[in-house]
PDB file of N, CA and C in Angstrom:
ATOM      1  N   MET A   1      23.237  -3.432   6.482  1.00  0.00           N
ATOM      2  CA  MET A   1      22.220  -2.992   7.429  1.00  0.00           C
ATOM      3  C   MET A   1      20.931  -2.592   6.713  1.00  0.00           C
ATOM      4  N   ASP A   2      21.058  -2.073   5.486  1.00  0.00           N
ATOM      5  CA  ASP A   2      19.870  -1.653   4.748  1.00  0.00           C
ATOM      6  C   ASP A   2      18.968  -2.833   4.407  1.00  0.00           C
ATOM      7  N   GLY A   3      19.561  -3.989   4.115  1.00  0.00           N
ATOM      8  CA  GLY A   3      18.764  -5.181   3.827  1.00  0.00           C
ATOM      9  C   GLY A   3      17.970  -5.632   5.041  1.00  0.00           C
ATOM     10  N   ILE A   4      18.593  -5.572   6.209  1.00  0.00           N
ATOM     11  CA  ILE A   4      17.905  -5.946   7.454  1.00  0.00           C
ATOM     12  C   ILE A   4      16.796  -4.955   7.749  1.00  0.00           C
ATOM     13  N   ARG A   5      17.087  -3.678   7.558  1.00  0.00           N
ATOM     14  CA  ARG A   5      16.078  -2.636   7.792  1.00  0.00           C
ATOM     15  C   ARG A   5      14.864  -2.844   6.879  1.00  0.00           C
ATOM     16  N   LEU A   6      15.119  -3.193   5.615  1.00  0.00           N
ATOM     17  CA  LEU A   6      14.036  -3.446   4.664  1.00  0.00           C
ATOM     18  C   LEU A   6      13.209  -4.666   5.080  1.00  0.00           C
ATOM     19  N   MET A   7      13.873  -5.712   5.544  1.00  0.00           N
ATOM     20  CA  MET A   7      13.142  -6.906   6.000  1.00  0.00           C
ATOM     21  C   MET A   7      12.271  -6.590   7.211  1.00  0.00           C
ATOM     22  N   ILE A   8      12.785  -5.822   8.154  1.00  0.00           N
ATOM     23  CA  ILE A   8      12.007  -5.482   9.346  1.00  0.00           C
ATOM     24  C   ILE A   8      10.829  -4.590   8.975  1.00  0.00           C
ATOM     25  N   ARG A   9      11.053  -3.645   8.095  1.00  0.00           N
ATOM     26  CA  ARG A   9       9.947  -2.777   7.657  1.00  0.00           C
ATOM     27  C   ARG A   9       8.880  -3.572   6.920  1.00  0.00           C
ATOM     28  N   SER A  10       9.306  -4.493   6.089  1.00  0.00           N
ATOM     29  CA  SER A  10       8.341  -5.347   5.377  1.00  0.00           C
ATOM     30  C   SER A  10       7.546  -6.193   6.362  1.00  0.00           C
ATOM     31  N   ALA A  11       8.226  -6.754   7.346  1.00  0.00           N
ATOM     32  CA  ALA A  11       7.544  -7.564   8.359  1.00  0.00           C
ATOM     33  C   ALA A  11       6.571  -6.722   9.177  1.00  0.00           C
ATOM     34  N   ALA A  12       6.940  -5.489   9.473  1.00  0.00           N
ATOM     35  CA  ALA A  12       6.053  -4.608  10.235  1.00  0.00           C
ATOM     36  C   ALA A  12       4.763  -4.346   9.464  1.00  0.00           C
ATOM     37  N   TRP A  13       4.890  -3.983   8.198  1.00  0.00           N
ATOM     38  CA  TRP A  13       3.699  -3.697   7.398  1.00  0.00           C
ATOM     39  C   TRP A  13       2.871  -4.959   7.145  1.00  0.00           C
ATOM     40  N   LEU A  14       3.539  -6.084   6.987  1.00  0.00           N
ATOM     41  CA  LEU A  14       2.827  -7.349   6.823  1.00  0.00           C
ATOM     42  C   LEU A  14       2.069  -7.709   8.103  1.00  0.00           C
ATOM     43  N   SER A  15       2.659  -7.395   9.247  1.00  0.00           N
ATOM     44  CA  SER A  15       1.991  -7.707  10.516  1.00  0.00           C
ATOM     45  C   SER A  15       0.720  -6.889  10.688  1.00  0.00           C
ATOM     46  N   ILE A  16       0.771  -5.599  10.354  1.00  0.00           N
ATOM     47  CA  ILE A  16      -0.427  -4.770  10.518  1.00  0.00           C
ATOM     48  C   ILE A  16      -1.487  -5.165   9.496  1.00  0.00           C
ATOM     49  N   LEU A  17      -1.064  -5.539   8.296  1.00  0.00           N
ATOM     50  CA  LEU A  17      -2.006  -6.013   7.282  1.00  0.00           C
ATOM     51  C   LEU A  17      -2.675  -7.304   7.754  1.00  0.00           C
ATOM     52  N   THR A  18      -1.913  -8.191   8.333  1.00  0.00           N
ATOM     53  CA  THR A  18      -2.464  -9.448   8.853  1.00  0.00           C
ATOM     54  C   THR A  18      -3.474  -9.180   9.958  1.00  0.00           C
ATOM     55  N   VAL A  19      -3.146  -8.268  10.866  1.00  0.00           N
ATOM     56  CA  VAL A  19      -4.076  -7.928  11.952  1.00  0.00           C
ATOM     57  C   VAL A  19      -5.370  -7.372  11.373  1.00  0.00           C
ATOM     58  N   LEU A  20      -5.262  -6.492  10.404  1.00  0.00           N
ATOM     59  CA  LEU A  20      -6.468  -5.917   9.799  1.00  0.00           C
ATOM     60  C   LEU A  20      -7.311  -6.982   9.103  1.00  0.00           C
ATOM     61  N   LEU A  21      -6.660  -7.869   8.367  1.00  0.00           N
ATOM     62  CA  LEU A  21      -7.409  -8.928   7.674  1.00  0.00           C
ATOM     63  C   LEU A  21      -8.090  -9.873   8.664  1.00  0.00           C
ATOM     64  N   VAL A  22      -7.374 -10.271   9.687  1.00  0.00           N
ATOM     65  CA  VAL A  22      -7.945 -11.188  10.685  1.00  0.00           C
ATOM     66  C   VAL A  22      -9.088 -10.519  11.434  1.00  0.00           C
ATOM     67  N   THR A  23      -8.981  -9.220  11.639  1.00  0.00           N
ATOM     68  CA  THR A  23     -10.037  -8.489  12.338  1.00  0.00           C
ATOM     69  C   THR A  23     -11.306  -8.391  11.499  1.00  0.00           C
ATOM     70  N   LEU A  24     -11.162  -8.360  10.186  1.00  0.00           N
ATOM     71  CA  LEU A  24     -12.318  -8.176   9.311  1.00  0.00           C
ATOM     72  C   LEU A  24     -13.074  -9.461   8.988  1.00  0.00           C
ATOM     73  N   VAL A  25     -12.446 -10.618   9.164  1.00  0.00           N
ATOM     74  CA  VAL A  25     -13.140 -11.869   8.857  1.00  0.00           C
ATOM     75  C   VAL A  25     -14.126 -12.197   9.976  1.00  0.00           C
ATOM     76  N   PRO A  26     -15.143 -13.008   9.691  1.00  0.00           N
ATOM     77  CA  PRO A  26     -16.085 -13.396  10.737  1.00  0.00           C
ATOM     78  C   PRO A  26     -15.368 -14.103  11.895  1.00  0.00           C
ATOM     79  N   ILE A  27     -15.919 -13.970  13.083  1.00  0.00           N
ATOM     80  CA  ILE A  27     -15.286 -14.517  14.292  1.00  0.00           C
ATOM     81  C   ILE A  27     -14.992 -16.000  14.152  1.00  0.00           C
ATOM     82  N   GLY A  28     -15.867 -16.753  13.526  1.00  0.00           N
ATOM     83  CA  GLY A  28     -15.664 -18.186  13.381  1.00  0.00           C
ATOM     84  C   GLY A  28     -14.465 -18.560  12.523  1.00  0.00           C
ATOM     85  N   LEU A  29     -13.997 -17.637  11.692  1.00  0.00           N
ATOM     86  CA  LEU A  29     -12.851 -17.905  10.818  1.00  0.00           C
ATOM     87  C   LEU A  29     -11.529 -17.372  11.372  1.00  0.00           C
ATOM     88  N   ARG A  30     -11.574 -16.694  12.504  1.00  0.00           N
ATOM     89  CA  ARG A  30     -10.361 -16.117  13.075  1.00  0.00           C
ATOM     90  C   ARG A  30      -9.508 -17.201  13.728  1.00  0.00           C
ATOM     91  N   PRO A  31      -8.195 -17.121  13.554  1.00  0.00           N
ATOM     92  CA  PRO A  31      -7.327 -18.106  14.201  1.00  0.00           C
ATOM     93  C   PRO A  31      -7.293 -17.897  15.718  1.00  0.00           C
ATOM     94  N   THR A  32      -7.142 -18.973  16.435  1.00  0.00           N
ATOM     95  CA  THR A  32      -7.020 -18.890  17.895  1.00  0.00           C
ATOM     96  C   THR A  32      -5.840 -19.737  18.340  1.00  0.00           C
ATOM     97  N   THR A  33      -5.326 -19.411  19.502  1.00  0.00           N
ATOM     98  CA  THR A  33      -4.196 -20.153  20.050  1.00  0.00           C
ATOM     99  C   THR A  33      -4.604 -21.037  21.211  1.00  0.00           C
ATOM    100  N   GLY A  34      -5.794 -20.840  21.718  1.00  0.00           N
ATOM    101  CA  GLY A  34      -6.218 -21.557  22.910  1.00  0.00           C
ATOM    102  C   GLY A  34      -5.934 -20.768  24.177  1.00  0.00           C
ATOM    103  N   LEU A  35      -5.209 -19.675  24.044  1.00  0.00           N
ATOM    104  CA  LEU A  35      -4.940 -18.807  25.184  1.00  0.00           C
ATOM    105  C   LEU A  35      -6.125 -17.874  25.409  1.00  0.00           C
ATOM    106  N   SER A  36      -6.094 -17.180  26.499  1.00  0.00           N
ATOM    107  CA  SER A  36      -7.104 -16.166  26.781  1.00  0.00           C
ATOM    108  C   SER A  36      -7.090 -15.118  25.667  1.00  0.00           C
ATOM    109  N   PRO A  37      -8.265 -14.632  25.251  1.00  0.00           N
ATOM    110  CA  PRO A  37      -8.280 -13.584  24.218  1.00  0.00           C
ATOM    111  C   PRO A  37      -7.458 -12.359  24.606  1.00  0.00           C
ATOM    112  N   ASN A  38      -7.429 -12.024  25.886  1.00  0.00           N
ATOM    113  CA  ASN A  38      -6.641 -10.868  26.306  1.00  0.00           C
ATOM    114  C   ASN A  38      -5.145 -11.113  26.151  1.00  0.00           C
ATOM    115  N   ILE A  39      -4.694 -12.327  26.406  1.00  0.00           N
ATOM    116  CA  ILE A  39      -3.289 -12.663  26.208  1.00  0.00           C
ATOM    117  C   ILE A  39      -2.967 -12.619  24.708  1.00  0.00           C
ATOM    118  N   GLU A  40      -3.869 -13.144  23.893  1.00  0.00           N
ATOM    119  CA  GLU A  40      -3.666 -13.085  22.438  1.00  0.00           C
ATOM    120  C   GLU A  40      -3.565 -11.633  21.968  1.00  0.00           C
ATOM    121  N   ARG A  41      -4.455 -10.785  22.444  1.00  0.00           N
ATOM    122  CA  ARG A  41      -4.450  -9.369  22.048  1.00  0.00           C
ATOM    123  C   ARG A  41      -3.144  -8.694  22.481  1.00  0.00           C
ATOM    124  N   PHE A  42      -2.724  -8.966  23.703  1.00  0.00           N
ATOM    125  CA  PHE A  42      -1.483  -8.407  24.220  1.00  0.00           C
ATOM    126  C   PHE A  42      -0.305  -8.813  23.327  1.00  0.00           C
ATOM    127  N   CYS A  43      -0.212 -10.094  23.030  1.00  0.00           N
ATOM    128  CA  CYS A  43       0.921 -10.606  22.240  1.00  0.00           C
ATOM    129  C   CYS A  43       0.924 -10.043  20.820  1.00  0.00           C
ATOM    130  N   VAL A  44      -0.233  -9.954  20.207  1.00  0.00           N
ATOM    131  CA  VAL A  44      -0.311  -9.417  18.846  1.00  0.00           C
ATOM    132  C   VAL A  44       0.127  -7.959  18.826  1.00  0.00           C
ATOM    133  N   MET A  45      -0.376  -7.165  19.743  1.00  0.00           N
ATOM    134  CA  MET A  45      -0.003  -5.755  19.763  1.00  0.00           C
ATOM    135  C   MET A  45       1.458  -5.573  20.143  1.00  0.00           C
ATOM    136  N   ALA A  46       1.986  -6.444  20.995  1.00  0.00           N
ATOM    137  CA  ALA A  46       3.405  -6.369  21.351  1.00  0.00           C
ATOM    138  C   ALA A  46       4.270  -6.672  20.127  1.00  0.00           C
ATOM    139  N   ALA A  47       3.882  -7.669  19.360  1.00  0.00           N
ATOM    140  CA  ALA A  47       4.649  -8.020  18.160  1.00  0.00           C
ATOM    141  C   ALA A  47       4.602  -6.891  17.133  1.00  0.00           C
ATOM    142  N   VAL A  48       3.430  -6.346  16.900  1.00  0.00           N
ATOM    143  CA  VAL A  48       3.295  -5.241  15.935  1.00  0.00           C
ATOM    144  C   VAL A  48       4.091  -4.025  16.422  1.00  0.00           C
ATOM    145  N   GLY A  49       3.964  -3.707  17.693  1.00  0.00           N
ATOM    146  CA  GLY A  49       4.706  -2.572  18.253  1.00  0.00           C
ATOM    147  C   GLY A  49       6.203  -2.763  18.152  1.00  0.00           C
ATOM    148  N   ALA A  50       6.680  -3.967  18.446  1.00  0.00           N
ATOM    149  CA  ALA A  50       8.118  -4.243  18.373  1.00  0.00           C
ATOM    150  C   ALA A  50       8.631  -4.110  16.944  1.00  0.00           C
ATOM    151  N   LEU A  51       7.897  -4.657  16.000  1.00  0.00           N
ATOM    152  CA  LEU A  51       8.326  -4.581  14.602  1.00  0.00           C
ATOM    153  C   LEU A  51       8.363  -3.140  14.101  1.00  0.00           C
ATOM    154  N   PHE A  52       7.322  -2.375  14.387  1.00  0.00           N
ATOM    155  CA  PHE A  52       7.292  -0.996  13.904  1.00  0.00           C
ATOM    156  C   PHE A  52       8.341  -0.128  14.593  1.00  0.00           C
ATOM    157  N   ALA A  53       8.561  -0.319  15.880  1.00  0.00           N
ATOM    158  CA  ALA A  53       9.569   0.483  16.585  1.00  0.00           C
ATOM    159  C   ALA A  53      10.977   0.121  16.115  1.00  0.00           C
ATOM    160  N   ALA A  54      11.209  -1.150  15.809  1.00  0.00           N
ATOM    161  CA  ALA A  54      12.518  -1.544  15.281  1.00  0.00           C
ATOM    162  C   ALA A  54      12.692  -1.034  13.856  1.00  0.00           C
ATOM    163  N   ALA A  55      11.607  -1.004  13.093  1.00  0.00           N
ATOM    164  CA  ALA A  55      11.674  -0.552  11.698  1.00  0.00           C
ATOM    165  C   ALA A  55      11.791   0.964  11.586  1.00  0.00           C
ATOM    166  N   TYR A  56      11.131   1.677  12.479  1.00  0.00           N
ATOM    167  CA  TYR A  56      11.104   3.145  12.439  1.00  0.00           C
ATOM    168  C   TYR A  56      11.418   3.707  13.821  1.00  0.00           C
ATOM    169  N   PRO A  57      12.630   3.513  14.335  1.00  0.00           N
ATOM    170  CA  PRO A  57      12.935   3.926  15.707  1.00  0.00           C
ATOM    171  C   PRO A  57      12.825   5.433  15.942  1.00  0.00           C
ATOM    172  N   ARG A  58      13.014   6.226  14.924  1.00  0.00           N
ATOM    173  CA  ARG A  58      12.909   7.686  15.094  1.00  0.00           C
ATOM    174  C   ARG A  58      11.451   8.141  15.187  1.00  0.00           C
ATOM    175  N   ARG A  59      10.537   7.249  14.978  1.00  0.00           N
ATOM    176  CA  ARG A  59       9.098   7.552  15.048  1.00  0.00           C
ATOM    177  C   ARG A  59       8.445   6.855  16.245  1.00  0.00           C
ATOM    178  N   PHE A  60       9.224   6.618  17.288  1.00  0.00           N
ATOM    179  CA  PHE A  60       8.748   5.833  18.429  1.00  0.00           C
ATOM    180  C   PHE A  60       7.414   6.349  18.985  1.00  0.00           C
ATOM    181  N   TRP A  61       7.334   7.629  19.300  1.00  0.00           N
ATOM    182  CA  TRP A  61       6.111   8.153  19.923  1.00  0.00           C
ATOM    183  C   TRP A  61       4.929   8.141  18.955  1.00  0.00           C
ATOM    184  N   LEU A  62       5.174   8.374  17.696  1.00  0.00           N
ATOM    185  CA  LEU A  62       4.097   8.292  16.707  1.00  0.00           C
ATOM    186  C   LEU A  62       3.559   6.865  16.635  1.00  0.00           C
ATOM    187  N   ILE A  63       4.460   5.894  16.680  1.00  0.00           N
ATOM    188  CA  ILE A  63       4.052   4.485  16.653  1.00  0.00           C
ATOM    189  C   ILE A  63       3.218   4.147  17.878  1.00  0.00           C
ATOM    190  N   VAL A  64       3.695   4.541  19.049  1.00  0.00           N
ATOM    191  CA  VAL A  64       2.969   4.240  20.290  1.00  0.00           C
ATOM    192  C   VAL A  64       1.583   4.880  20.264  1.00  0.00           C
ATOM    193  N   LEU A  65       1.502   6.143  19.861  1.00  0.00           N
ATOM    194  CA  LEU A  65       0.200   6.827  19.838  1.00  0.00           C
ATOM    195  C   LEU A  65      -0.735   6.220  18.794  1.00  0.00           C
ATOM    196  N   THR A  66      -0.209   5.875  17.641  1.00  0.00           N
ATOM    197  CA  THR A  66      -1.039   5.267  16.602  1.00  0.00           C
ATOM    198  C   THR A  66      -1.565   3.910  17.061  1.00  0.00           C
ATOM    199  N   LEU A  67      -0.707   3.123  17.680  1.00  0.00           N
ATOM    200  CA  LEU A  67      -1.159   1.815  18.175  1.00  0.00           C
ATOM    201  C   LEU A  67      -2.175   1.966  19.294  1.00  0.00           C
ATOM    202  N   GLN A  68      -2.074   3.036  20.067  1.00  0.00           N
ATOM    203  CA  GLN A  68      -3.072   3.279  21.108  1.00  0.00           C
ATOM    204  C   GLN A  68      -4.441   3.527  20.474  1.00  0.00           C
ATOM    205  N   LEU A  69      -4.452   4.244  19.363  1.00  0.00           N
ATOM    206  CA  LEU A  69      -5.721   4.478  18.664  1.00  0.00           C
ATOM    207  C   LEU A  69      -6.271   3.184  18.088  1.00  0.00           C
ATOM    208  N   LEU A  70      -5.383   2.346  17.539  1.00  0.00           N
ATOM    209  CA  LEU A  70      -5.821   1.058  17.003  1.00  0.00           C
ATOM    210  C   LEU A  70      -6.309   0.137  18.113  1.00  0.00           C
ATOM    211  N   ALA A  71      -5.732   0.280  19.293  1.00  0.00           N
ATOM    212  CA  ALA A  71      -6.099  -0.595  20.411  1.00  0.00           C
ATOM    213  C   ALA A  71      -7.554  -0.411  20.818  1.00  0.00           C
ATOM    214  N   ALA A  72      -8.081   0.777  20.588  1.00  0.00           N
ATOM    215  CA  ALA A  72      -9.468   1.021  20.987  1.00  0.00           C
ATOM    216  C   ALA A  72     -10.439   0.130  20.218  1.00  0.00           C
ATOM    217  N   GLY A  73     -10.108  -0.210  18.981  1.00  0.00           N
ATOM    218  CA  GLY A  73     -10.925  -1.144  18.216  1.00  0.00           C
ATOM    219  C   GLY A  73     -12.307  -0.633  17.891  1.00  0.00           C
ATOM    220  N   ARG A  74     -13.121  -1.557  17.424  1.00  0.00           N
ATOM    221  CA  ARG A  74     -14.475  -1.191  17.009  1.00  0.00           C
ATOM    222  C   ARG A  74     -15.448  -1.125  18.171  1.00  0.00           C
ATOM    223  N   HIS A  75     -15.362  -2.074  19.083  1.00  0.00           N
ATOM    224  CA  HIS A  75     -16.275  -2.126  20.228  1.00  0.00           C
ATOM    225  C   HIS A  75     -15.433  -2.257  21.499  1.00  0.00           C
ATOM    226  N   PRO A  76     -14.773  -1.180  21.882  1.00  0.00           N
ATOM    227  CA  PRO A  76     -13.812  -1.306  22.979  1.00  0.00           C
ATOM    228  C   PRO A  76     -14.477  -1.431  24.347  1.00  0.00           C
ATOM    229  N   ASN A  77     -13.871  -2.231  25.180  1.00  0.00           N
ATOM    230  CA  ASN A  77     -14.168  -2.160  26.598  1.00  0.00           C
ATOM    231  C   ASN A  77     -12.829  -1.951  27.287  1.00  0.00           C
ATOM    232  N   PHE A  78     -12.860  -1.537  28.520  1.00  0.00           N
ATOM    233  CA  PHE A  78     -11.633  -1.123  29.190  1.00  0.00           C
ATOM    234  C   PHE A  78     -10.587  -2.226  29.220  1.00  0.00           C
ATOM    235  N   ARG A  79     -10.991  -3.442  29.526  1.00  0.00           N
ATOM    236  CA  ARG A  79     -10.027  -4.547  29.641  1.00  0.00           C
ATOM    237  C   ARG A  79      -9.335  -4.823  28.296  1.00  0.00           C
ATOM    238  N   ASP A  80     -10.096  -4.847  27.200  1.00  0.00           N
ATOM    239  CA  ASP A  80      -9.498  -5.075  25.877  1.00  0.00           C
ATOM    240  C   ASP A  80      -8.480  -3.983  25.539  1.00  0.00           C
ATOM    241  N   VAL A  81      -8.887  -2.746  25.738  1.00  0.00           N
ATOM    242  CA  VAL A  81      -8.008  -1.621  25.423  1.00  0.00           C
ATOM    243  C   VAL A  81      -6.769  -1.653  26.310  1.00  0.00           C
ATOM    244  N   ALA A  82      -6.934  -1.994  27.569  1.00  0.00           N
ATOM    245  CA  ALA A  82      -5.791  -2.038  28.493  1.00  0.00           C
ATOM    246  C   ALA A  82      -4.775  -3.090  28.053  1.00  0.00           C
ATOM    247  N   PHE A  83      -5.226  -4.287  27.717  1.00  0.00           N
ATOM    248  CA  PHE A  83      -4.302  -5.340  27.291  1.00  0.00           C
ATOM    249  C   PHE A  83      -3.618  -4.975  25.974  1.00  0.00           C
ATOM    250  N   LYS A  84      -4.382  -4.458  25.014  1.00  0.00           N
ATOM    251  CA  LYS A  84      -3.797  -4.084  23.732  1.00  0.00           C
ATOM    252  C   LYS A  84      -2.806  -2.934  23.893  1.00  0.00           C
ATOM    253  N   SER A  85      -3.168  -1.936  24.679  1.00  0.00           N
ATOM    254  CA  SER A  85      -2.293  -0.783  24.881  1.00  0.00           C
ATOM    255  C   SER A  85      -1.008  -1.173  25.594  1.00  0.00           C
ATOM    256  N   LEU A  86      -1.139  -1.991  26.619  1.00  0.00           N
ATOM    257  CA  LEU A  86       0.042  -2.443  27.347  1.00  0.00           C
ATOM    258  C   LEU A  86       0.957  -3.252  26.431  1.00  0.00           C
ATOM    259  N   GLY A  87       0.378  -4.112  25.622  1.00  0.00           N
ATOM    260  CA  GLY A  87       1.169  -4.882  24.670  1.00  0.00           C
ATOM    261  C   GLY A  87       1.873  -3.986  23.676  1.00  0.00           C
ATOM    262  N   ALA A  88       1.171  -2.982  23.162  1.00  0.00           N
ATOM    263  CA  ALA A  88       1.761  -2.063  22.185  1.00  0.00           C
ATOM    264  C   ALA A  88       2.935  -1.296  22.785  1.00  0.00           C
ATOM    265  N   VAL A  89       2.766  -0.799  23.998  1.00  0.00           N
ATOM    266  CA  VAL A  89       3.825  -0.014  24.635  1.00  0.00           C
ATOM    267  C   VAL A  89       5.033  -0.891  24.963  1.00  0.00           C
ATOM    268  N   ILE A  90       4.799  -2.049  25.547  1.00  0.00           N
ATOM    269  CA  ILE A  90       5.914  -2.936  25.895  1.00  0.00           C
ATOM    270  C   ILE A  90       6.622  -3.426  24.635  1.00  0.00           C
ATOM    271  N   GLY A  91       5.857  -3.811  23.626  1.00  0.00           N
ATOM    272  CA  GLY A  91       6.452  -4.256  22.377  1.00  0.00           C
ATOM    273  C   GLY A  91       7.257  -3.166  21.706  1.00  0.00           C
ATOM    274  N   ALA A  92       6.706  -1.952  21.650  1.00  0.00           N
ATOM    275  CA  ALA A  92       7.421  -0.839  21.019  1.00  0.00           C
ATOM    276  C   ALA A  92       8.706  -0.519  21.777  1.00  0.00           C
ATOM    277  N   ALA A  93       8.649  -0.573  23.101  1.00  0.00           N
ATOM    278  CA  ALA A  93       9.858  -0.315  23.897  1.00  0.00           C
ATOM    279  C   ALA A  93      10.927  -1.373  23.612  1.00  0.00           C
ATOM    280  N   CYS A  94      10.523  -2.622  23.512  1.00  0.00           N
ATOM    281  CA  CYS A  94      11.478  -3.699  23.207  1.00  0.00           C
ATOM    282  C   CYS A  94      12.051  -3.535  21.796  1.00  0.00           C
ATOM    283  N   GLY A  95      11.197  -3.219  20.822  1.00  0.00           N
ATOM    284  CA  GLY A  95      11.661  -3.008  19.460  1.00  0.00           C
ATOM    285  C   GLY A  95      12.617  -1.832  19.361  1.00  0.00           C
ATOM    286  N   TYR A  96      12.325  -0.770  20.092  1.00  0.00           N
ATOM    287  CA  TYR A  96      13.206   0.399  20.101  1.00  0.00           C
ATOM    288  C   TYR A  96      14.551   0.043  20.725  1.00  0.00           C
ATOM    289  N   ALA A  97      14.525  -0.721  21.802  1.00  0.00           N
ATOM    290  CA  ALA A  97      15.771  -1.150  22.445  1.00  0.00           C
ATOM    291  C   ALA A  97      16.616  -1.993  21.486  1.00  0.00           C
ATOM    292  N   VAL A  98      15.974  -2.891  20.758  1.00  0.00           N
ATOM    293  CA  VAL A  98      16.699  -3.710  19.782  1.00  0.00           C
ATOM    294  C   VAL A  98      17.305  -2.817  18.704  1.00  0.00           C
ATOM    295  N   ALA A  99      16.555  -1.824  18.237  1.00  0.00           N
ATOM    296  CA  ALA A  99      17.069  -0.914  17.208  1.00  0.00           C
ATOM    297  C   ALA A  99      18.280  -0.135  17.719  1.00  0.00           C
ATOM    298  N   LEU A 100      18.248   0.277  18.971  1.00  0.00           N
ATOM    299  CA  LEU A 100      19.391   0.997  19.537  1.00  0.00           C
ATOM    300  C   LEU A 100      20.618   0.108  19.653  1.00  0.00           C
ATOM    301  N   VAL A 101      20.420  -1.104  20.172  1.00  0.00           N
ATOM    302  CA  VAL A 101      21.534  -2.022  20.407  1.00  0.00           C
ATOM    303  C   VAL A 101      22.164  -2.485  19.089  1.00  0.00           C
ATOM    304  N   THR A 102      21.359  -2.728  18.091  1.00  0.00           N
ATOM    305  CA  THR A 102      21.863  -3.259  16.823  1.00  0.00           C
ATOM    306  C   THR A 102      22.331  -2.188  15.847  1.00  0.00           C
ATOM    307  N   GLY A 103      22.063  -0.936  16.163  1.00  0.00           N
ATOM    308  CA  GLY A 103      22.467   0.139  15.267  1.00  0.00           C
ATOM    309  C   GLY A 103      21.422   0.497  14.231  1.00  0.00           C
ATOM    310  N   LEU A 104      20.258  -0.127  14.283  1.00  0.00           N
ATOM    311  CA  LEU A 104      19.196   0.204  13.325  1.00  0.00           C
ATOM    312  C   LEU A 104      18.646   1.607  13.553  1.00  0.00           C
ATOM    313  N   ALA A 105      18.881   2.168  14.731  1.00  0.00           N
ATOM    314  CA  ALA A 105      18.370   3.497  15.041  1.00  0.00           C
ATOM    315  C   ALA A 105      19.221   4.597  14.417  1.00  0.00           C
ATOM    316  N   LYS A 106      20.388   4.233  13.904  1.00  0.00           N
ATOM    317  CA  LYS A 106      21.231   5.233  13.250  1.00  0.00           C
ATOM    318  C   LYS A 106      20.606   5.624  11.927  1.00  0.00           C
ATOM    319  N   ASN A 107      20.728   6.891  11.584  1.00  0.00           N
ATOM    320  CA  ASN A 107      20.153   7.396  10.350  1.00  0.00           C
ATOM    321  C   ASN A 107      21.053   7.010   9.170  1.00  0.00           C
ATOM    322  N   PRO A 108      20.586   6.123   8.268  1.00  0.00           N
ATOM    323  CA  PRO A 108      21.442   5.678   7.166  1.00  0.00           C
ATOM    324  C   PRO A 108      21.631   6.738   6.078  1.00  0.00           C
ATOM    325  N   THR A 109      20.796   7.758   6.053  1.00  0.00           N
ATOM    326  CA  THR A 109      20.894   8.751   4.988  1.00  0.00           C
ATOM    327  C   THR A 109      21.707   9.983   5.398  1.00  0.00           C
ATOM    328  N   ARG A 110      22.048  10.086   6.640  1.00  0.00           N
ATOM    329  CA  ARG A 110      22.821  11.221   7.100  1.00  0.00           C
ATOM    330  C   ARG A 110      24.263  11.076   6.622  1.00  0.00           C
ATOM    331  N   PRO A 111      24.780  12.062   5.893  1.00  0.00           N
ATOM    332  CA  PRO A 111      26.152  11.950   5.401  1.00  0.00           C
ATOM    333  C   PRO A 111      27.160  12.072   6.550  1.00  0.00           C
ATOM    334  N   ALA A 112      28.300  11.466   6.330  1.00  0.00           N
ATOM    335  CA  ALA A 112      29.372  11.548   7.330  1.00  0.00           C
ATOM    336  C   ALA A 112      29.910  12.980   7.339  1.00  0.00           C
ATOM    337  N   PRO A 113      30.351  13.467   8.487  1.00  0.00           N
ATOM    338  CA  PRO A 113      30.893  14.831   8.541  1.00  0.00           C
ATOM    339  C   PRO A 113      32.182  14.934   7.722  1.00  0.00           C
ATOM    340  N   GLU A 114      32.346  16.056   7.092  1.00  0.00           N
ATOM    341  CA  GLU A 114      33.541  16.277   6.279  1.00  0.00           C
ATOM    342  C   GLU A 114      34.704  16.683   7.175  1.00  0.00           C
ATOM    343  N   THR A 115      35.852  16.150   6.834  1.00  0.00           N
ATOM    344  CA  THR A 115      37.060  16.550   7.554  1.00  0.00           C
ATOM    345  C   THR A 115      38.033  17.170   6.571  1.00  0.00           C
ATOM    346  N   THR A 116      38.642  18.256   6.967  1.00  0.00           N
ATOM    347  CA  THR A 116      39.596  18.920   6.085  1.00  0.00           C
ATOM    348  C   THR A 116      40.943  19.049   6.709  1.00  0.00           C
TER     349      THR A 116
END
């Protein structure tokens, strides 16, 4: 389970690094999918939220609040923030659910209770 946890944590940090890098490049160099920009924003934030919530399930609310701050962006308008925030919350909820179902939410460092 520790190997899977490490892979998910690595993917989470790689995802946020990718978002930051793509955000900093000029608009003409940014990748596009052909979908509406709001759908793209929703999907990106959902993926980042899911990865971080699965990687750090005990930090669910911190992740959601931090992603809400990131959702505001540099030049926010209500529609952009709404799509990003909704994506972050839905993604984080899905990632947390996966962590619960798969056992990733269990604390690996907590020692087993002693029996005498």
